[in-house]
Amino acid sequence: MFRTDPGGPSAYTVTFPDQTLDERRTRRALREHVQRLQLILPVISVSVMALRQQRAELDEDIASVLHRHASDPLDAEIEKVEALLASLNPNREREVAI
């Protein structure tokens, strides 16, 4: 009555007809890049807080420079890459990690 085709597609096969393997790899690389950038932010934040807590003469200036020229630009870069990822993948719910 019912025949199973051993050569047919598996129930566990996931295909992405609208995405090539290179596109999925690019998206994965971008996500990993964002994750690495996100790990740097707390290091800068802790450094800024430590410098400000010490209240030495130049520490506040150094903390401000770190915040303005490292933390803020890094945060902006993360937002740009995340926006790029979102624009490349409008059907985000269909994405599966490789």
N, C-alpha and C. Protein backbone atom coordinates (compact mmCIF):
# COMPACT_ATOMS: atom_id res chain seq x y z
N MET A 1 0.81 -1.18 0.00
CA MET A 1 0.00 0.00 0.00
C MET A 1 0.86 1.26 0.00
N PHE A 2 1.77 1.38 1.00
CA PHE A 2 2.68 2.51 1.05
C PHE A 2 4.07 2.02 0.70
N ARG A 3 4.75 2.78 -0.17
CA ARG A 3 6.13 2.43 -0.51
C ARG A 3 7.03 3.55 -0.05
N THR A 4 8.15 3.16 0.50
CA THR A 4 9.16 4.15 0.86
C THR A 4 10.27 4.05 -0.16
N ASP A 5 10.75 5.18 -0.57
CA ASP A 5 11.81 5.22 -1.57
C ASP A 5 13.13 5.48 -0.84
N PRO A 6 13.99 4.47 -0.69
CA PRO A 6 15.24 4.67 0.03
C PRO A 6 16.15 5.70 -0.62
N GLY A 7 15.95 5.97 -1.89
CA GLY A 7 16.79 6.96 -2.56
C GLY A 7 16.18 8.35 -2.54
N GLY A 8 15.01 8.50 -1.94
CA GLY A 8 14.32 9.79 -1.91
C GLY A 8 14.89 10.72 -0.87
N PRO A 9 14.35 11.91 -0.81
CA PRO A 9 14.86 12.89 0.15
C PRO A 9 14.55 12.50 1.59
N SER A 10 15.46 12.80 2.46
CA SER A 10 15.31 12.49 3.87
C SER A 10 14.37 13.51 4.51
N ALA A 11 13.68 13.08 5.55
CA ALA A 11 12.81 13.99 6.28
C ALA A 11 13.62 15.04 7.02
N TYR A 12 14.91 14.79 7.22
CA TYR A 12 15.77 15.70 7.98
C TYR A 12 16.59 16.63 7.09
N THR A 13 16.41 16.57 5.82
CA THR A 13 17.16 17.42 4.91
C THR A 13 16.54 18.81 4.87
N VAL A 14 17.37 19.80 5.07
CA VAL A 14 16.92 21.18 5.00
C VAL A 14 17.58 21.80 3.78
N THR A 15 16.78 22.35 2.90
CA THR A 15 17.34 22.98 1.71
C THR A 15 16.95 24.45 1.70
N PHE A 16 17.78 25.24 1.10
CA PHE A 16 17.57 26.67 0.96
C PHE A 16 17.71 27.01 -0.51
N PRO A 17 16.66 26.87 -1.28
CA PRO A 17 16.78 27.11 -2.71
C PRO A 17 17.17 28.54 -3.06
N ASP A 18 16.86 29.49 -2.18
CA ASP A 18 17.17 30.88 -2.48
C ASP A 18 18.50 31.33 -1.90
N GLN A 19 19.24 30.44 -1.24
CA GLN A 19 20.53 30.79 -0.66
C GLN A 19 21.59 29.80 -1.12
N THR A 20 22.71 30.32 -1.54
CA THR A 20 23.82 29.45 -1.89
C THR A 20 24.64 29.17 -0.64
N LEU A 21 25.48 28.17 -0.73
CA LEU A 21 26.36 27.85 0.39
C LEU A 21 27.25 29.03 0.73
N ASP A 22 27.74 29.75 -0.28
CA ASP A 22 28.58 30.92 -0.04
C ASP A 22 27.82 32.01 0.72
N GLU A 23 26.56 32.21 0.39
CA GLU A 23 25.76 33.22 1.10
C GLU A 23 25.58 32.83 2.56
N ARG A 24 25.33 31.57 2.83
CA ARG A 24 25.17 31.12 4.21
C ARG A 24 26.48 31.27 4.98
N ARG A 25 27.59 30.96 4.31
CA ARG A 25 28.90 31.12 4.96
C ARG A 25 29.19 32.59 5.25
N THR A 26 28.82 33.45 4.33
CA THR A 26 29.03 34.89 4.54
C THR A 26 28.22 35.37 5.73
N ARG A 27 26.96 34.97 5.80
CA ARG A 27 26.11 35.36 6.93
C ARG A 27 26.68 34.83 8.24
N ARG A 28 27.14 33.59 8.22
CA ARG A 28 27.72 33.01 9.44
C ARG A 28 28.98 33.78 9.85
N ALA A 29 29.82 34.10 8.90
CA ALA A 29 31.04 34.85 9.20
C ALA A 29 30.71 36.23 9.77
N LEU A 30 29.68 36.87 9.23
CA LEU A 30 29.28 38.17 9.75
C LEU A 30 28.73 38.06 11.17
N ARG A 31 27.94 37.02 11.43
CA ARG A 31 27.42 36.82 12.80
C ARG A 31 28.56 36.57 13.77
N GLU A 32 29.54 35.77 13.38
CA GLU A 32 30.70 35.50 14.24
C GLU A 32 31.51 36.77 14.47
N HIS A 33 31.63 37.61 13.44
CA HIS A 33 32.34 38.88 13.57
C HIS A 33 31.63 39.77 14.59
N VAL A 34 30.32 39.85 14.50
CA VAL A 34 29.54 40.65 15.47
C VAL A 34 29.76 40.12 16.88
N GLN A 35 29.76 38.82 17.05
CA GLN A 35 29.96 38.23 18.37
C GLN A 35 31.33 38.59 18.94
N ARG A 36 32.36 38.56 18.09
CA ARG A 36 33.70 38.94 18.55
C ARG A 36 33.75 40.41 18.94
N LEU A 37 33.11 41.26 18.14
CA LEU A 37 33.08 42.68 18.46
C LEU A 37 32.33 42.92 19.77
N GLN A 38 31.26 42.19 19.97
CA GLN A 38 30.47 42.34 21.20
C GLN A 38 31.27 41.93 22.44
N LEU A 39 32.22 41.03 22.29
CA LEU A 39 33.06 40.63 23.41
C LEU A 39 34.06 41.72 23.79
N ILE A 40 34.39 42.59 22.87
CA ILE A 40 35.35 43.66 23.14
C ILE A 40 34.71 44.79 23.94
N LEU A 41 33.44 45.06 23.71
CA LEU A 41 32.77 46.17 24.39
C LEU A 41 32.89 46.12 25.91
N PRO A 42 32.64 45.00 26.57
CA PRO A 42 32.77 44.99 28.03
C PRO A 42 34.19 45.27 28.52
N VAL A 43 35.19 44.86 27.74
CA VAL A 43 36.58 45.13 28.13
C VAL A 43 36.82 46.64 28.16
N ILE A 44 36.34 47.32 27.14
CA ILE A 44 36.49 48.77 27.10
C ILE A 44 35.71 49.42 28.24
N SER A 45 34.49 48.95 28.46
CA SER A 45 33.64 49.52 29.52
C SER A 45 34.28 49.37 30.89
N VAL A 46 34.83 48.20 31.17
CA VAL A 46 35.49 47.98 32.46
C VAL A 46 36.72 48.87 32.59
N SER A 47 37.46 49.02 31.52
CA SER A 47 38.63 49.90 31.55
C SER A 47 38.23 51.34 31.83
N VAL A 48 37.18 51.79 31.17
CA VAL A 48 36.69 53.16 31.38
C VAL A 48 36.25 53.34 32.83
N MET A 49 35.49 52.38 33.36
CA MET A 49 35.03 52.49 34.76
C MET A 49 36.20 52.49 35.73
N ALA A 50 37.19 51.63 35.50
CA ALA A 50 38.35 51.56 36.39
C ALA A 50 39.12 52.87 36.37
N LEU A 51 39.32 53.42 35.19
CA LEU A 51 40.04 54.70 35.09
C LEU A 51 39.29 55.81 35.82
N ARG A 52 37.98 55.84 35.66
CA ARG A 52 37.19 56.89 36.32
C ARG A 52 37.15 56.70 37.84
N GLN A 53 37.18 55.49 38.31
CA GLN A 53 37.17 55.22 39.75
C GLN A 53 38.48 55.65 40.41
N GLN A 54 39.58 55.55 39.67
CA GLN A 54 40.89 55.91 40.23
C GLN A 54 41.00 57.40 40.49
N ARG A 55 40.34 58.17 39.68
CA ARG A 55 40.31 59.64 39.80
C ARG A 55 41.70 60.27 39.81
N ALA A 56 42.60 59.67 39.07
CA ALA A 56 43.92 60.27 38.90
C ALA A 56 43.79 61.41 37.88
N GLU A 57 44.81 62.21 37.79
CA GLU A 57 44.76 63.44 36.98
C GLU A 57 44.38 63.19 35.53
N LEU A 58 45.03 62.26 34.85
CA LEU A 58 44.77 62.02 33.44
C LEU A 58 43.79 60.88 33.17
N ASP A 59 43.43 60.13 34.20
CA ASP A 59 42.58 58.96 34.00
C ASP A 59 41.22 59.32 33.40
N GLU A 60 40.62 60.41 33.84
CA GLU A 60 39.32 60.80 33.31
C GLU A 60 39.43 61.15 31.82
N ASP A 61 40.51 61.81 31.45
CA ASP A 61 40.72 62.13 30.04
C ASP A 61 40.91 60.85 29.21
N ILE A 62 41.69 59.92 29.73
CA ILE A 62 41.92 58.66 29.02
C ILE A 62 40.60 57.89 28.90
N ALA A 63 39.83 57.87 29.97
CA ALA A 63 38.53 57.19 29.95
C ALA A 63 37.61 57.81 28.90
N SER A 64 37.60 59.11 28.83
CA SER A 64 36.75 59.79 27.85
C SER A 64 37.18 59.48 26.42
N VAL A 65 38.48 59.45 26.19
CA VAL A 65 39.00 59.12 24.86
C VAL A 65 38.63 57.68 24.50
N LEU A 66 38.81 56.76 25.44
CA LEU A 66 38.44 55.36 25.20
C LEU A 66 36.95 55.24 24.86
N HIS A 67 36.15 55.92 25.63
CA HIS A 67 34.70 55.85 25.40
C HIS A 67 34.33 56.44 24.05
N ARG A 68 34.84 57.63 23.77
CA ARG A 68 34.47 58.35 22.56
C ARG A 68 35.05 57.72 21.29
N HIS A 69 36.30 57.25 21.36
CA HIS A 69 36.97 56.79 20.14
C HIS A 69 37.13 55.27 20.04
N ALA A 70 36.68 54.54 21.04
CA ALA A 70 36.73 53.08 20.96
C ALA A 70 35.35 52.47 21.19
N SER A 71 34.77 52.75 22.32
CA SER A 71 33.49 52.14 22.67
C SER A 71 32.35 52.58 21.76
N ASP A 72 32.19 53.87 21.58
CA ASP A 72 31.11 54.38 20.73
C ASP A 72 31.24 53.92 19.27
N PRO A 73 32.43 54.06 18.65
CA PRO A 73 32.56 53.57 17.27
C PRO A 73 32.36 52.07 17.15
N LEU A 74 32.82 51.31 18.12
CA LEU A 74 32.64 49.86 18.09
C LEU A 74 31.15 49.51 18.17
N ASP A 75 30.44 50.19 19.04
CA ASP A 75 29.00 49.97 19.16
C ASP A 75 28.30 50.30 17.85
N ALA A 76 28.69 51.40 17.22
CA ALA A 76 28.10 51.79 15.94
C ALA A 76 28.42 50.75 14.85
N GLU A 77 29.62 50.22 14.86
CA GLU A 77 30.02 49.21 13.88
C GLU A 77 29.20 47.93 14.05
N ILE A 78 28.99 47.53 15.28
CA ILE A 78 28.16 46.35 15.55
C ILE A 78 26.76 46.56 15.00
N GLU A 79 26.19 47.73 15.24
CA GLU A 79 24.85 48.02 14.73
C GLU A 79 24.80 47.98 13.20
N LYS A 80 25.84 48.50 12.55
CA LYS A 80 25.89 48.48 11.08
C LYS A 80 25.93 47.05 10.53
N VAL A 81 26.77 46.20 11.13
CA VAL A 81 26.89 44.83 10.66
C VAL A 81 25.59 44.07 10.93
N GLU A 82 24.98 44.30 12.09
CA GLU A 82 23.70 43.65 12.38
C GLU A 82 22.62 44.09 11.39
N ALA A 83 22.61 45.38 11.03
CA ALA A 83 21.65 45.87 10.05
C ALA A 83 21.92 45.26 8.67
N LEU A 84 23.18 45.12 8.33
CA LEU A 84 23.54 44.48 7.06
C LEU A 84 23.05 43.03 7.04
N LEU A 85 23.28 42.31 8.12
CA LEU A 85 22.80 40.93 8.22
C LEU A 85 21.28 40.87 8.07
N ALA A 86 20.58 41.77 8.73
CA ALA A 86 19.12 41.77 8.66
C ALA A 86 18.65 42.06 7.23
N SER A 87 19.34 42.96 6.54
CA SER A 87 18.92 43.30 5.18
C SER A 87 19.24 42.17 4.20
N LEU A 88 20.28 41.40 4.48
CA LEU A 88 20.63 40.27 3.62
C LEU A 88 19.70 39.09 3.82
N ASN A 89 19.04 39.07 4.95
CA ASN A 89 18.21 37.91 5.27
C ASN A 89 16.84 38.34 5.77
N PRO A 90 15.95 38.76 4.87
CA PRO A 90 14.62 39.20 5.31
C PRO A 90 13.79 38.06 5.89
N ASN A 91 14.10 36.82 5.56
CA ASN A 91 13.36 35.67 6.10
C ASN A 91 14.18 34.99 7.19
N ARG A 92 14.54 35.75 8.21
CA ARG A 92 15.46 35.28 9.23
C ARG A 92 15.02 33.98 9.90
N GLU A 93 13.71 33.76 10.04
CA GLU A 93 13.24 32.55 10.70
C GLU A 93 13.60 31.30 9.94
N ARG A 94 13.91 31.41 8.65
CA ARG A 94 14.28 30.25 7.84
C ARG A 94 15.74 29.88 7.98
N GLU A 95 16.53 30.75 8.60
CA GLU A 95 17.96 30.53 8.66
C GLU A 95 18.31 29.48 9.70
N VAL A 96 19.19 28.60 9.35
CA VAL A 96 19.66 27.55 10.25
C VAL A 96 21.18 27.61 10.29
N ALA A 97 21.74 27.51 11.47
CA ALA A 97 23.20 27.54 11.60
C ALA A 97 23.82 26.36 10.88
N ILE A 98 24.96 26.62 10.23
CA ILE A 98 25.66 25.57 9.48
C ILE A 98 26.52 24.78 10.44
